[in-house]
Amino acid sequence: MVTIKCRGISFSNIQAVIFDKDGTLEDSQEFLRHLGLKRSRLVDAQIPGVGEPLQMAFGIEVGKIDPTGLLAVGSRRENEIVAAGYIAETGRGWIESLTIAQRAFDEADQMLKSSPPSPLFVGSLEVLKSLSEAGLKLGILSAATTKAVEKLVKAHQLSEYIQLEMGVDSVHLNKPDPKLFLLACERLGVNPAETLMVGDSAGDIQMGKDAGAAGCIGICWGNAQVSHLEKADVAIASLDEITILAD
């Protein structure tokens, strides 16, 4: 058990820390933007006129993506459903619309499967190492698929520090459902009340709070003063603001 301190806020008797992936550990904004553009263009190739509004729905902006938008925080299934909704607006049936969306998403995945891994944010590896060396159990809980989490861990050789690699693979369970956090804690073998959640979205914070986490640390790299993290116990601009005090 350790005490973790961030910007004057202390969390005592901590047994584990669970991190979000995209936007928290992994600087994946550029990859996600390319993925969203591929998906929308592939849909537009079949249903002309859908691509541009779909990009807006994904939260794709000029040169970046909205960190609170669908692409940044939604699961793959949620993104597919939204895309299918835009297709259905053209008069196609729901099953056909969902099939078109899923096919476009699968094709986009194939086109980008050889893309180099997104980098970790500067300092993330060092923080993971220090937390692990302090005896904390560490996990990653992402709205992306478990396969995507496993790819990150393998690409950056994090298996020495990460004991849980968990994504959203069920159509019935997505962030911010607290059951996800509780399930992650169960798989780690830790008490939620002794586990911190670290994430960059309001959904991460809500999930942790509703699950009874020991605390929720919001992160927005470079600028902690963002409105979507206002419900976090503390918001930070870099992971190295997480400091460890031995109990």
Protein backbone atom coordinates (compact mmCIF):
# COMPACT_ATOMS: atom_id res chain seq x y z
CA MET A 1 0.00 0.00 0.00
CA VAL A 2 1.29 3.45 -0.85
CA THR A 3 0.13 7.04 -0.74
CA ILE A 4 -0.06 8.87 -4.05
CA LYS A 5 -0.01 12.64 -4.23
CA CYS A 6 -0.99 14.94 -7.10
CA ARG A 7 -1.06 18.74 -6.87
CA GLY A 8 -1.57 18.70 -3.14
CA ILE A 9 -4.24 15.97 -3.17
CA SER A 10 -3.29 12.73 -1.41
CA PHE A 11 -4.73 9.25 -1.90
CA SER A 12 -3.83 6.84 0.90
CA ASN A 13 -3.66 3.04 1.06
CA ILE A 14 -3.51 2.59 -2.69
CA GLN A 15 -3.11 -0.94 -3.97
CA ALA A 16 -3.47 -0.43 -7.73
CA VAL A 17 -3.74 2.13 -10.52
CA ILE A 18 -5.81 1.62 -13.66
CA PHE A 19 -5.04 3.76 -16.71
CA ASP A 20 -7.01 4.61 -19.81
CA LYS A 21 -5.03 4.08 -23.03
CA ASP A 22 -5.70 6.66 -25.77
CA GLY A 23 -4.91 10.18 -24.67
CA THR A 24 -3.62 9.02 -21.28
CA LEU A 25 -0.65 6.72 -21.90
CA GLU A 26 -0.62 6.65 -25.70
CA ASP A 27 -0.39 9.74 -27.91
CA SER A 28 -2.72 8.22 -30.49
CA GLN A 29 -4.50 11.34 -31.75
CA GLU A 30 -2.86 11.25 -35.19
CA PHE A 31 -3.61 7.56 -35.70
CA LEU A 32 -7.22 7.99 -34.57
CA ARG A 33 -7.68 10.93 -36.95
CA HIS A 34 -6.40 8.84 -39.87
CA LEU A 35 -8.62 5.94 -38.78
CA GLY A 36 -11.70 8.16 -38.63
CA LEU A 37 -10.95 9.67 -42.04
CA LYS A 38 -10.52 6.19 -43.57
CA ARG A 39 -13.76 4.96 -42.06
CA SER A 40 -15.77 7.97 -43.21
CA ARG A 41 -14.30 7.91 -46.73
CA LEU A 42 -14.97 4.20 -47.13
CA VAL A 43 -18.57 4.73 -46.04
CA ASP A 44 -18.86 7.71 -48.40
CA ALA A 45 -17.58 5.60 -51.30
CA GLN A 46 -20.68 3.43 -50.88
CA ILE A 47 -23.11 6.10 -49.70
CA PRO A 48 -22.06 9.43 -51.26
CA GLY A 49 -22.65 12.45 -49.07
CA VAL A 50 -22.34 10.66 -45.75
CA GLY A 51 -18.60 11.09 -45.30
CA GLU A 52 -18.38 14.75 -44.27
CA PRO A 53 -21.14 14.73 -41.64
CA LEU A 54 -19.77 11.45 -40.33
CA GLN A 55 -16.36 13.06 -39.83
CA MET A 56 -18.05 15.79 -37.79
CA ALA A 57 -19.86 13.15 -35.73
CA PHE A 58 -16.55 11.41 -35.06
CA GLY A 59 -15.15 14.70 -33.76
CA ILE A 60 -12.56 15.11 -36.52
CA GLU A 61 -11.39 18.69 -36.75
CA VAL A 62 -8.75 20.35 -38.94
CA GLY A 63 -5.50 18.62 -38.07
CA LYS A 64 -6.80 17.03 -34.86
CA ILE A 65 -9.67 15.26 -33.13
CA ASP A 66 -11.94 16.47 -30.36
CA PRO A 67 -10.66 14.84 -27.13
CA THR A 68 -14.26 14.64 -25.90
CA GLY A 69 -15.65 13.37 -29.21
CA LEU A 70 -16.98 10.01 -30.32
CA LEU A 71 -13.78 8.79 -31.95
CA ALA A 72 -11.62 9.72 -28.95
CA VAL A 73 -13.75 8.24 -26.18
CA GLY A 74 -16.32 5.93 -27.75
CA SER A 75 -15.92 2.20 -28.25
CA ARG A 76 -15.67 0.70 -31.72
CA ARG A 77 -19.24 -0.56 -31.40
CA GLU A 78 -20.53 2.91 -30.50
CA ASN A 79 -18.73 4.38 -33.51
CA GLU A 80 -20.21 1.69 -35.77
CA ILE A 81 -23.72 2.41 -34.53
CA VAL A 82 -23.37 6.14 -35.14
CA ALA A 83 -22.02 5.51 -38.64
CA ALA A 84 -24.91 3.13 -39.32
CA GLY A 85 -27.32 5.82 -38.14
CA TYR A 86 -26.04 8.25 -40.78
CA ILE A 87 -26.34 5.54 -43.42
CA ALA A 88 -29.88 4.71 -42.30
CA GLU A 89 -30.86 8.36 -42.78
CA THR A 90 -30.45 7.79 -46.53
CA GLY A 91 -33.39 5.36 -46.44
CA ARG A 92 -31.58 2.08 -46.05
CA GLY A 93 -32.73 -0.54 -43.57
CA TRP A 94 -31.01 -0.85 -40.23
CA ILE A 95 -29.38 -4.25 -40.79
CA GLU A 96 -28.06 -3.15 -44.18
CA SER A 97 -26.80 0.13 -42.67
CA LEU A 98 -25.00 -1.64 -39.85
CA THR A 99 -23.46 -4.14 -42.27
CA ILE A 100 -22.13 -1.33 -44.48
CA ALA A 101 -20.63 0.44 -41.47
CA GLN A 102 -19.02 -2.72 -40.11
CA ARG A 103 -17.57 -3.58 -43.51
CA ALA A 104 -16.08 -0.08 -43.87
CA PHE A 105 -14.58 -0.25 -40.37
CA ASP A 106 -13.05 -3.68 -41.07
CA GLU A 107 -11.58 -2.43 -44.35
CA ALA A 108 -10.11 0.62 -42.61
CA ASP A 109 -8.49 -1.67 -40.04
CA GLN A 110 -6.89 -3.71 -42.82
CA MET A 111 -5.59 -0.59 -44.56
CA LEU A 112 -3.96 0.68 -41.37
CA LYS A 113 -2.84 -2.61 -39.84
CA SER A 114 0.80 -1.99 -40.80
CA SER A 115 0.87 1.49 -39.29
CA PRO A 116 3.68 2.01 -36.76
CA PRO A 117 2.55 2.04 -33.13
CA SER A 118 1.57 5.40 -31.68
CA PRO A 119 4.15 6.74 -29.23
CA LEU A 120 3.73 6.83 -25.49
CA PHE A 121 3.47 10.31 -24.05
CA VAL A 122 6.85 11.51 -22.84
CA GLY A 123 7.51 10.27 -19.33
CA SER A 124 4.74 7.65 -19.28
CA LEU A 125 7.13 4.70 -19.23
CA GLU A 126 9.08 6.16 -16.32
CA VAL A 127 5.89 6.69 -14.32
CA LEU A 128 4.71 3.14 -14.94
CA LYS A 129 8.11 1.83 -13.88
CA SER A 130 8.16 3.87 -10.66
CA LEU A 131 4.62 2.86 -9.70
CA SER A 132 5.41 -0.80 -10.36
CA GLU A 133 8.60 -0.62 -8.33
CA ALA A 134 6.57 0.83 -5.44
CA GLY A 135 4.59 -2.43 -5.37
CA LEU A 136 1.42 -1.19 -7.06
CA LYS A 137 -0.56 -3.37 -9.44
CA LEU A 138 -1.11 -1.62 -12.77
CA GLY A 139 -3.73 -2.11 -15.45
CA ILE A 140 -4.95 -0.57 -18.68
CA LEU A 141 -8.71 -0.26 -19.23
CA SER A 142 -9.56 1.19 -22.63
CA ALA A 143 -12.64 1.86 -24.73
CA ALA A 144 -10.61 0.34 -27.56
CA THR A 145 -10.55 -3.43 -28.00
CA THR A 146 -8.48 -5.72 -25.81
CA LYS A 147 -6.46 -6.55 -28.93
CA ALA A 148 -5.53 -2.87 -29.26
CA VAL A 149 -4.44 -2.74 -25.62
CA GLU A 150 -2.34 -5.88 -26.06
CA LYS A 151 -0.75 -4.35 -29.16
CA LEU A 152 0.26 -1.26 -27.17
CA VAL A 153 1.76 -3.31 -24.34
CA LYS A 154 3.72 -5.48 -26.77
CA ALA A 155 4.93 -2.58 -28.94
CA HIS A 156 6.30 -0.65 -25.98
CA GLN A 157 7.39 -3.68 -23.92
CA LEU A 158 5.18 -2.82 -20.96
CA SER A 159 4.36 -6.35 -19.82
CA GLU A 160 6.87 -6.08 -16.99
CA TYR A 161 4.75 -3.32 -15.45
CA ILE A 162 1.18 -3.99 -16.64
CA GLN A 163 -0.78 -6.85 -15.05
CA LEU A 164 -4.11 -6.13 -16.76
CA GLU A 165 -4.67 -5.54 -20.48
CA MET A 166 -8.38 -4.90 -20.92
CA GLY A 167 -10.50 -3.31 -23.60
CA VAL A 168 -14.17 -3.18 -24.48
CA ASP A 169 -15.15 -6.26 -26.45
CA SER A 170 -18.79 -6.62 -25.39
CA VAL A 171 -21.68 -4.87 -27.10
CA HIS A 172 -23.38 -4.62 -23.72
CA LEU A 173 -20.63 -3.00 -21.65
CA ASN A 174 -19.00 0.33 -22.46
CA LYS A 175 -17.52 3.25 -20.56
CA PRO A 176 -18.71 4.89 -18.32
CA ASP A 177 -20.46 1.77 -16.98
CA PRO A 178 -18.92 1.16 -13.53
CA LYS A 179 -19.14 -2.59 -14.12
CA LEU A 180 -16.10 -2.23 -16.38
CA PHE A 181 -13.99 -0.79 -13.58
CA LEU A 182 -15.26 -3.36 -11.10
CA LEU A 183 -14.45 -6.17 -13.54
CA ALA A 184 -10.97 -4.74 -14.09
CA CYS A 185 -10.37 -4.66 -10.32
CA GLU A 186 -11.64 -8.23 -10.00
CA ARG A 187 -9.21 -9.40 -12.68
CA LEU A 188 -6.37 -7.54 -10.97
CA GLY A 189 -7.38 -9.03 -7.63
CA VAL A 190 -7.70 -5.65 -5.92
CA ASN A 191 -10.31 -3.69 -3.99
CA PRO A 192 -11.90 -0.84 -6.02
CA ALA A 193 -11.78 1.35 -2.90
CA GLU A 194 -7.99 0.97 -2.96
CA THR A 195 -7.61 1.56 -6.69
CA LEU A 196 -7.09 4.81 -8.60
CA MET A 197 -8.48 5.55 -12.06
CA VAL A 198 -6.40 7.73 -14.38
CA GLY A 199 -8.00 8.91 -17.61
CA ASP A 200 -8.44 11.78 -20.02
CA SER A 201 -12.22 11.73 -20.45
CA ALA A 202 -15.30 12.53 -18.43
CA GLY A 203 -16.35 8.91 -18.98
CA ASP A 204 -13.22 7.62 -17.25
CA ILE A 205 -13.90 9.86 -14.26
CA GLN A 206 -17.60 8.99 -14.05
CA MET A 207 -16.88 5.27 -14.34
CA GLY A 208 -14.33 5.36 -11.53
CA LYS A 209 -16.50 7.43 -9.22
CA ASP A 210 -19.61 5.30 -9.78
CA ALA A 211 -17.54 2.17 -9.09
CA GLY A 212 -16.27 3.52 -5.76
CA ALA A 213 -12.66 4.03 -6.80
CA ALA A 214 -10.22 5.42 -4.24
CA GLY A 215 -9.84 8.45 -6.48
CA CYS A 216 -10.04 9.65 -10.06
CA ILE A 217 -7.15 11.53 -11.64
CA GLY A 218 -7.95 13.37 -14.85
CA ILE A 219 -5.21 14.12 -17.34
CA CYS A 220 -5.06 16.49 -20.28
CA TRP A 221 -1.49 16.63 -21.51
CA GLY A 222 -0.16 20.16 -21.43
CA ASN A 223 -3.31 21.72 -19.98
CA ALA A 224 -5.15 20.43 -16.94
CA GLN A 225 -7.63 23.32 -16.93
CA VAL A 226 -10.26 21.72 -19.16
CA SER A 227 -13.96 21.60 -18.38
CA HIS A 228 -14.48 17.91 -19.16
CA LEU A 229 -12.22 16.96 -16.23
CA GLU A 230 -13.94 19.18 -13.68
CA LYS A 231 -15.40 16.21 -11.79
CA ALA A 232 -12.01 14.56 -11.30
CA ASP A 233 -10.57 14.58 -7.79
CA VAL A 234 -7.54 16.24 -9.32
CA ALA A 235 -6.55 17.12 -12.90
CA ILE A 236 -2.96 17.01 -14.09
CA ALA A 237 -1.10 18.04 -17.25
CA SER A 238 1.52 15.27 -17.19
CA LEU A 239 1.73 11.82 -15.63
CA ASP A 240 4.92 12.72 -13.81
CA GLU A 241 2.76 14.86 -11.51
CA ILE A 242 1.82 11.54 -9.86
CA THR A 243 4.24 11.20 -6.96
CA ILE A 244 4.62 8.37 -4.48
CA LEU A 245 4.93 8.62 -0.72
CA ALA A 246 5.58 5.41 1.18
CA ASP A 247 2.98 4.65 3.88
